[in-house]
Amino acid sequence: MVATLSDVLRAVESAWAARPERGVSWPAPHPDRAPLDEEYSRVTDPERYLVVGARVQAWVEALTGLGLARRAEGPEGALRLVPVVDGALVLDVDVRSMDGVPGMVVDLLVGDPAVVVGSQPGCGCDACDDGSESLLEAVDEMFVGILGGGFVLIDSKRSTIIATADGWSASGDTGDTGGSDRRSASRRATSGSAHPGRRGLVASLTTRTG
């Protein structure tokens, strides 16, 4: 029987419960006010962001433990998760350092050549800190957005469009979508429609790439 996204999320929580970092938490430092100017240049206790690398490991353990992917070596030392379903999109997981401390920032990449489709935390300064609960939710949402179905990457020399079940983002000159809006471009990529000069990739836990 093929594991569902609910199965994966339960496995993530089970793996997380066994990790010592599960006890590391901190509240949002400024829930009721705007950040102070000095907070933009300050990082209080940067090692607390080790929870990011630990949460990523919980995801890796869940995906490999359920038999949905196998580990391989990715580019530049990243971990590559290779789906067991033929044709499904490979996911590279690069856990890197912040302020010289390893294991505190994660980049998720797809495609060949690989494109970064998600990073957490976006910034480690005190001003951008929303607390540990929000940070871990953001890490989970990155994985769910890519693996839970509905992920589309449209990549060209001029622009990149990333769509998930929860929304989409774009960078560069998105006028190369052939005169259509970006949602239409995502729908065409999902259906397998081609466009000269563009690469469309579709991924979930169990479906093939487009």
Protein backbone atom coordinates (compact mmCIF):
# COMPACT_ATOMS: atom_id res chain seq x y z
CA MET A 1 0.00 0.00 0.00
CA VAL A 2 1.31 3.45 -0.92
CA ALA A 3 1.90 5.79 2.02
CA THR A 4 -0.23 8.91 2.11
CA LEU A 5 0.79 12.41 3.13
CA SER A 6 -0.94 11.81 6.48
CA ASP A 7 1.26 8.75 6.98
CA VAL A 8 4.34 10.84 6.26
CA LEU A 9 3.34 13.59 8.68
CA ARG A 10 2.77 11.03 11.44
CA ALA A 11 6.18 9.50 10.72
CA VAL A 12 7.80 12.95 10.86
CA GLU A 13 6.29 13.61 14.28
CA SER A 14 7.40 10.18 15.48
CA ALA A 15 10.97 10.80 14.31
CA TRP A 16 10.91 14.29 15.82
CA ALA A 17 9.78 12.96 19.19
CA ALA A 18 12.94 10.85 19.37
CA ARG A 19 15.29 13.77 18.76
CA PRO A 20 16.81 15.82 21.62
CA GLU A 21 16.16 19.05 19.72
CA ARG A 22 12.41 18.61 20.17
CA GLY A 23 12.78 20.33 23.54
CA VAL A 24 14.28 23.48 22.04
CA SER A 25 11.65 26.20 21.68
CA TRP A 26 11.32 29.94 22.02
CA PRO A 27 8.43 32.38 21.70
CA ALA A 28 8.03 35.03 19.04
CA PRO A 29 10.14 37.91 20.43
CA HIS A 30 7.88 40.72 19.22
CA PRO A 31 4.32 39.41 18.71
CA ASP A 32 2.64 42.74 19.45
CA ARG A 33 5.09 45.30 18.07
CA ALA A 34 7.23 46.10 15.06
CA PRO A 35 10.88 44.98 15.25
CA LEU A 36 13.35 47.50 16.60
CA ASP A 37 16.02 48.85 14.25
CA GLU A 38 18.84 47.25 16.23
CA GLU A 39 17.18 43.83 15.95
CA TYR A 40 17.92 43.72 12.23
CA SER A 41 21.64 43.49 12.95
CA ARG A 42 21.41 41.18 15.95
CA VAL A 43 21.22 37.39 16.18
CA THR A 44 20.49 36.20 19.71
CA ASP A 45 21.63 32.63 20.39
CA PRO A 46 22.15 31.54 16.76
CA GLU A 47 22.61 27.89 17.77
CA ARG A 48 18.90 27.61 18.50
CA TYR A 49 18.44 27.35 14.73
CA LEU A 50 19.88 23.85 14.96
CA VAL A 51 16.23 22.82 15.25
CA VAL A 52 16.01 23.42 11.48
CA GLY A 53 18.57 20.75 10.62
CA ALA A 54 17.01 18.42 13.19
CA ARG A 55 13.52 18.87 11.74
CA VAL A 56 14.88 18.19 8.27
CA GLN A 57 16.42 14.95 9.52
CA ALA A 58 13.01 13.94 10.86
CA TRP A 59 11.59 14.42 7.35
CA VAL A 60 14.42 12.42 5.80
CA GLU A 61 13.91 9.58 8.30
CA ALA A 62 10.17 9.58 7.62
CA LEU A 63 10.47 9.49 3.83
CA THR A 64 13.17 6.81 3.79
CA GLY A 65 11.64 4.82 6.63
CA LEU A 66 8.31 4.58 4.80
CA GLY A 67 10.10 3.40 1.68
CA LEU A 68 9.13 6.47 -0.36
CA ALA A 69 12.70 7.51 -1.13
CA ARG A 70 16.28 6.35 -0.80
CA ARG A 71 19.31 8.38 0.18
CA ALA A 72 21.99 9.28 -2.34
CA GLU A 73 24.77 11.83 -2.64
CA GLY A 74 23.65 15.10 -4.19
CA PRO A 75 25.67 17.96 -5.65
CA GLU A 76 28.17 19.80 -3.44
CA GLY A 77 27.55 17.56 -0.45
CA ALA A 78 23.76 17.86 -0.39
CA LEU A 79 21.62 14.87 0.48
CA ARG A 80 19.64 13.56 -2.48
CA LEU A 81 16.29 11.88 -1.89
CA VAL A 82 15.52 9.62 -4.83
CA PRO A 83 11.83 8.59 -5.01
CA VAL A 84 11.10 4.91 -5.51
CA VAL A 85 8.37 5.75 -8.04
CA ASP A 86 9.79 5.76 -11.56
CA GLY A 87 9.95 9.26 -13.02
CA ALA A 88 9.12 11.12 -9.80
CA LEU A 89 11.16 14.24 -9.13
CA VAL A 90 14.42 13.96 -7.17
CA LEU A 91 14.71 16.26 -4.14
CA ASP A 92 18.07 17.61 -2.99
CA VAL A 93 18.31 18.66 0.67
CA ASP A 94 21.18 20.98 1.53
CA VAL A 95 21.56 21.71 5.23
CA ARG A 96 24.17 24.43 5.64
CA SER A 97 25.69 26.73 8.23
CA MET A 98 24.80 30.12 9.64
CA ASP A 99 27.50 32.26 11.24
CA GLY A 100 29.87 29.31 10.97
CA VAL A 101 27.57 26.88 12.81
CA PRO A 102 26.49 23.92 10.61
CA GLY A 103 23.00 22.48 10.49
CA MET A 104 21.00 25.69 10.85
CA VAL A 105 19.71 26.53 7.35
CA VAL A 106 18.05 24.24 4.80
CA ASP A 107 17.68 24.66 1.06
CA LEU A 108 15.39 22.36 -0.94
CA LEU A 109 16.27 21.97 -4.61
CA VAL A 110 14.66 20.17 -7.53
CA GLY A 111 15.54 19.59 -11.17
CA ASP A 112 18.75 19.09 -13.12
CA PRO A 113 20.32 21.58 -13.05
CA ALA A 114 18.93 22.04 -9.56
CA VAL A 115 16.85 25.08 -8.64
CA VAL A 116 16.37 26.23 -5.04
CA VAL A 117 12.62 26.12 -4.41
CA GLY A 118 12.62 26.79 -0.68
CA SER A 119 14.92 27.94 2.14
CA GLN A 120 14.46 28.26 5.90
CA PRO A 121 15.07 30.37 7.82
CA GLY A 122 14.95 33.19 5.30
CA CYS A 123 16.92 35.31 7.75
CA GLY A 124 18.30 34.61 11.21
CA CYS A 125 18.24 38.12 12.66
CA ASP A 126 16.11 38.91 15.69
CA ALA A 127 13.85 41.19 13.64
CA CYS A 128 12.83 38.34 11.32
CA ASP A 129 12.42 35.80 14.12
CA ASP A 130 8.81 34.68 14.60
CA GLY A 131 9.56 32.00 17.19
CA SER A 132 10.35 28.30 16.92
CA GLU A 133 6.80 27.12 16.27
CA SER A 134 6.44 29.31 13.22
CA LEU A 135 9.89 28.31 11.96
CA LEU A 136 9.24 24.58 12.19
CA GLU A 137 5.87 25.03 10.51
CA ALA A 138 7.63 26.82 7.66
CA VAL A 139 10.08 23.92 7.27
CA ASP A 140 7.19 21.44 7.17
CA GLU A 141 5.29 23.56 4.65
CA MET A 142 8.29 23.50 2.31
CA PHE A 143 8.32 19.71 2.25
CA VAL A 144 4.54 19.40 2.01
CA GLY A 145 4.39 21.95 -0.78
CA ILE A 146 6.83 19.92 -2.88
CA LEU A 147 5.86 16.37 -1.92
CA GLY A 148 2.17 16.64 -1.17
CA GLY A 149 1.00 17.03 -4.75
CA GLY A 150 0.41 20.06 -6.92
CA PHE A 151 4.03 21.23 -7.07
CA VAL A 152 5.10 22.79 -10.36
CA LEU A 153 8.42 24.40 -11.29
CA ILE A 154 8.59 26.40 -14.52
CA ASP A 155 12.17 27.42 -15.15
CA SER A 156 13.68 29.43 -18.01
CA LYS A 157 16.69 31.67 -18.59
CA ARG A 158 14.60 34.72 -17.73
CA SER A 159 12.32 33.61 -14.95
CA THR A 160 11.33 30.97 -12.41
CA ILE A 161 7.77 30.19 -11.37
CA ILE A 162 7.05 27.89 -8.44
CA ALA A 163 3.51 26.74 -7.73
CA THR A 164 2.20 24.56 -4.90
CA ALA A 165 -1.26 23.61 -3.73
CA ASP A 166 -1.21 26.67 -1.44
CA GLY A 167 -0.10 29.32 -3.92
CA TRP A 168 2.72 30.38 -6.21
CA SER A 169 5.73 32.67 -6.44
CA ALA A 170 7.75 34.06 -9.32
CA SER A 171 11.07 35.77 -9.91
CA GLY A 172 12.68 37.36 -12.94
CA ASP A 173 10.92 38.49 -16.10
CA THR A 174 7.74 36.41 -16.12
CA GLY A 175 6.65 37.92 -19.41
CA ASP A 176 8.04 34.78 -21.06
CA THR A 177 4.91 32.87 -20.06
CA GLY A 178 3.69 33.31 -23.62
CA GLY A 179 1.26 36.11 -22.86
CA SER A 180 -0.72 34.10 -20.32
CA ASP A 181 -0.83 34.65 -16.61
CA ARG A 182 1.31 32.58 -14.28
CA ARG A 183 -1.53 30.41 -13.04
CA SER A 184 -2.29 29.37 -16.61
CA ALA A 185 1.38 28.55 -17.16
CA SER A 186 1.31 26.32 -14.08
CA ARG A 187 -1.79 24.54 -15.31
CA ARG A 188 -0.21 23.90 -18.69
CA ALA A 189 2.95 22.52 -17.09
CA THR A 190 0.86 20.21 -14.92
CA SER A 191 -0.95 18.89 -17.99
CA GLY A 192 2.35 18.30 -19.78
CA SER A 193 2.04 21.15 -22.28
CA ALA A 194 5.42 22.32 -23.52
CA HIS A 195 6.70 25.81 -24.27
CA PRO A 196 9.93 26.55 -26.17
CA GLY A 197 12.80 27.49 -23.88
CA ARG A 198 10.99 26.52 -20.66
CA ARG A 199 11.36 23.54 -18.39
CA GLY A 200 8.29 22.34 -16.52
CA LEU A 201 8.62 19.90 -13.62
CA VAL A 202 5.77 18.43 -11.59
CA ALA A 203 6.22 16.46 -8.38
CA SER A 204 4.43 14.73 -5.53
CA LEU A 205 5.15 11.73 -3.32
CA THR A 206 3.84 9.21 -5.80
CA THR A 207 3.21 10.82 -9.19
CA ARG A 208 5.50 11.13 -12.17
CA THR A 209 7.11 14.35 -13.31
CA GLY A 210 5.55 16.38 -16.07
